[in-house]
């Protein structure tokens, strides 16, 4: 919008016509420079982050060795026998996360 002498002067070109003009200009530009190509490079840090995300997605949520160890401790009576120690650990864990 251009204001000239306190009177607005609106651009009356329809938006579709502007977009069509831009598209045709881009196509014409691509024909004029056929050897020009786009190139994307990803930093090693971004590649590492992507690999970590993919590994986390593919990892199992259940660790079978931990489950087996807990089952063995429960069967031997060593797991869950000290309720005060368990309560203290839970409370300390909650307080340390704040």
C-alpha atoms as a PDB file:
ATOM      1  CA  UNK A   1       0.000   0.000   0.000  1.00  0.00           C
ATOM      2  CA  UNK A   2       1.321   3.413  -0.916  1.00  0.00           C
ATOM      3  CA  UNK A   3       0.024   6.580   0.689  1.00  0.00           C
ATOM      4  CA  UNK A   4       0.195   9.556  -1.615  1.00  0.00           C
ATOM      5  CA  UNK A   5      -1.072  12.934  -0.411  1.00  0.00           C
ATOM      6  CA  UNK A   6      -2.994  11.298   2.430  1.00  0.00           C
ATOM      7  CA  UNK A   7      -4.947   9.191  -0.043  1.00  0.00           C
ATOM      8  CA  UNK A   8      -4.315   5.442  -0.134  1.00  0.00           C
ATOM      9  CA  UNK A   9      -3.236   3.997  -3.454  1.00  0.00           C
ATOM     10  CA  UNK A  10      -3.931   0.268  -3.313  1.00  0.00           C
ATOM     11  CA  UNK A  11      -2.300  -2.203  -5.627  1.00  0.00           C
ATOM     12  CA  UNK A  12      -5.235  -3.726  -7.510  1.00  0.00           C
ATOM     13  CA  UNK A  13      -3.337  -6.699  -8.969  1.00  0.00           C
ATOM     14  CA  UNK A  14      -5.172  -9.908  -8.021  1.00  0.00           C
ATOM     15  CA  UNK A  15      -3.157 -12.233  -5.819  1.00  0.00           C
ATOM     16  CA  UNK A  16      -3.633 -15.157  -8.207  1.00  0.00           C
ATOM     17  CA  UNK A  17      -2.141 -13.177 -11.065  1.00  0.00           C
ATOM     18  CA  UNK A  18       0.908 -12.272  -8.967  1.00  0.00           C
ATOM     19  CA  UNK A  19       1.430 -15.929  -8.025  1.00  0.00           C
ATOM     20  CA  UNK A  20       1.024 -17.045 -11.635  1.00  0.00           C
ATOM     21  CA  UNK A  21       3.569 -14.447 -12.717  1.00  0.00           C
ATOM     22  CA  UNK A  22       6.048 -15.606 -10.082  1.00  0.00           C
ATOM     23  CA  UNK A  23       5.578 -19.232 -11.088  1.00  0.00           C
ATOM     24  CA  UNK A  24       6.136 -18.491 -14.749  1.00  0.00           C
ATOM     25  CA  UNK A  25       9.210 -16.413 -13.902  1.00  0.00           C
ATOM     26  CA  UNK A  26      10.622 -19.306 -11.862  1.00  0.00           C
ATOM     27  CA  UNK A  27      10.001 -21.755 -14.702  1.00  0.00           C
ATOM     28  CA  UNK A  28      11.631 -19.410 -17.182  1.00  0.00           C
ATOM     29  CA  UNK A  29      14.604 -19.012 -14.833  1.00  0.00           C
ATOM     30  CA  UNK A  30      14.986 -22.770 -14.488  1.00  0.00           C
ATOM     31  CA  UNK A  31      15.086 -23.147 -18.278  1.00  0.00           C
ATOM     32  CA  UNK A  32      17.688 -20.418 -18.588  1.00  0.00           C
ATOM     33  CA  UNK A  33      20.012 -22.154 -16.095  1.00  0.00           C
ATOM     34  CA  UNK A  34      19.641 -25.927 -16.547  1.00  0.00           C
ATOM     35  CA  UNK A  35      22.950 -26.647 -14.793  1.00  0.00           C
ATOM     36  CA  UNK A  36      21.877 -24.876 -11.582  1.00  0.00           C
ATOM     37  CA  UNK A  37      20.794 -27.376  -8.932  1.00  0.00           C
ATOM     38  CA  UNK A  38      19.901 -27.072  -5.292  1.00  0.00           C
ATOM     39  CA  UNK A  39      22.120 -28.722  -2.730  1.00  0.00           C
ATOM     40  CA  UNK A  40      21.447 -29.473   0.915  1.00  0.00           C
ATOM     41  CA  UNK A  41      24.138 -30.432   3.378  1.00  0.00           C
ATOM     42  CA  UNK A  42      23.527 -31.564   6.933  1.00  0.00           C
ATOM     43  CA  UNK A  43      26.064 -30.941   9.664  1.00  0.00           C
ATOM     44  CA  UNK A  44      27.630 -33.853  11.494  1.00  0.00           C
ATOM     45  CA  UNK A  45      25.911 -32.721  14.703  1.00  0.00           C
ATOM     46  CA  UNK A  46      22.505 -32.868  13.012  1.00  0.00           C
ATOM     47  CA  UNK A  47      23.322 -36.303  11.590  1.00  0.00           C
ATOM     48  CA  UNK A  48      24.326 -37.521  15.060  1.00  0.00           C
ATOM     49  CA  UNK A  49      21.098 -36.144  16.541  1.00  0.00           C
ATOM     50  CA  UNK A  50      19.054 -37.842  13.821  1.00  0.00           C
ATOM     51  CA  UNK A  51      20.836 -41.156  14.406  1.00  0.00           C
ATOM     52  CA  UNK A  52      20.193 -40.873  18.158  1.00  0.00           C
ATOM     53  CA  UNK A  53      16.503 -40.190  17.564  1.00  0.00           C
ATOM     54  CA  UNK A  54      16.201 -43.168  15.226  1.00  0.00           C
ATOM     55  CA  UNK A  55      18.010 -45.436  17.716  1.00  0.00           C
ATOM     56  CA  UNK A  56      15.673 -44.306  20.496  1.00  0.00           C
ATOM     57  CA  UNK A  57      12.630 -44.968  18.311  1.00  0.00           C
ATOM     58  CA  UNK A  58      13.844 -48.463  17.468  1.00  0.00           C
ATOM     59  CA  UNK A  59      14.897 -49.381  21.026  1.00  0.00           C
ATOM     60  CA  UNK A  60      12.701 -51.679  23.042  1.00  0.00           C
ATOM     61  CA  UNK A  61      10.971 -50.087  26.015  1.00  0.00           C
ATOM     62  CA  UNK A  62      11.336 -53.321  27.996  1.00  0.00           C
ATOM     63  CA  UNK A  63      14.803 -54.349  29.115  1.00  0.00           C
ATOM     64  CA  UNK A  64      14.515 -58.088  29.575  1.00  0.00           C
ATOM     65  CA  UNK A  65      17.700 -58.415  31.699  1.00  0.00           C
ATOM     66  CA  UNK A  66      16.316 -55.912  34.237  1.00  0.00           C
ATOM     67  CA  UNK A  67      12.959 -57.708  34.317  1.00  0.00           C
ATOM     68  CA  UNK A  68      14.653 -61.062  34.931  1.00  0.00           C
ATOM     69  CA  UNK A  69      16.837 -59.609  37.706  1.00  0.00           C
ATOM     70  CA  UNK A  70      13.776 -58.060  39.388  1.00  0.00           C
ATOM     71  CA  UNK A  71      11.885 -61.358  39.153  1.00  0.00           C
ATOM     72  CA  UNK A  72      14.811 -63.197  40.758  1.00  0.00           C
ATOM     73  CA  UNK A  73      15.064 -60.626  43.577  1.00  0.00           C
ATOM     74  CA  UNK A  74      11.328 -60.807  44.178  1.00  0.00           C
ATOM     75  CA  UNK A  75      11.381 -64.617  44.270  1.00  0.00           C
ATOM     76  CA  UNK A  76      14.286 -64.593  46.750  1.00  0.00           C
ATOM     77  CA  UNK A  77      12.486 -62.113  48.997  1.00  0.00           C
ATOM     78  CA  UNK A  78      15.140 -59.406  48.606  1.00  0.00           C
ATOM     79  CA  UNK A  79      12.897 -57.081  46.610  1.00  0.00           C
ATOM     80  CA  UNK A  80      10.235 -55.207  48.531  1.00  0.00           C
ATOM     81  CA  UNK A  81      11.307 -56.363  51.992  1.00  0.00           C
ATOM     82  CA  UNK A  82      12.352 -52.902  53.251  1.00  0.00           C
ATOM     83  CA  UNK A  83       9.333 -50.635  52.799  1.00  0.00           C
ATOM     84  CA  UNK A  84      10.902 -47.732  54.734  1.00  0.00           C
ATOM     85  CA  UNK A  85      13.930 -47.730  52.448  1.00  0.00           C
ATOM     86  CA  UNK A  86      11.631 -47.833  49.417  1.00  0.00           C
ATOM     87  CA  UNK A  87       9.557 -44.921  50.743  1.00  0.00           C
ATOM     88  CA  UNK A  88      12.706 -42.876  51.422  1.00  0.00           C
ATOM     89  CA  UNK A  89      14.026 -43.568  47.921  1.00  0.00           C
ATOM     90  CA  UNK A  90      10.706 -42.514  46.350  1.00  0.00           C
ATOM     91  CA  UNK A  91      10.514 -39.316  48.389  1.00  0.00           C
ATOM     92  CA  UNK A  92      14.155 -38.420  47.729  1.00  0.00           C
ATOM     93  CA  UNK A  93      13.643 -39.032  44.021  1.00  0.00           C
ATOM     94  CA  UNK A  94      10.629 -36.754  43.922  1.00  0.00           C
ATOM     95  CA  UNK A  95      12.394 -34.015  45.898  1.00  0.00           C
ATOM     96  CA  UNK A  96      15.516 -34.117  43.712  1.00  0.00           C
ATOM     97  CA  UNK A  97      13.443 -33.650  40.529  1.00  0.00           C
ATOM     98  CA  UNK A  98      12.002 -30.320  41.675  1.00  0.00           C
END
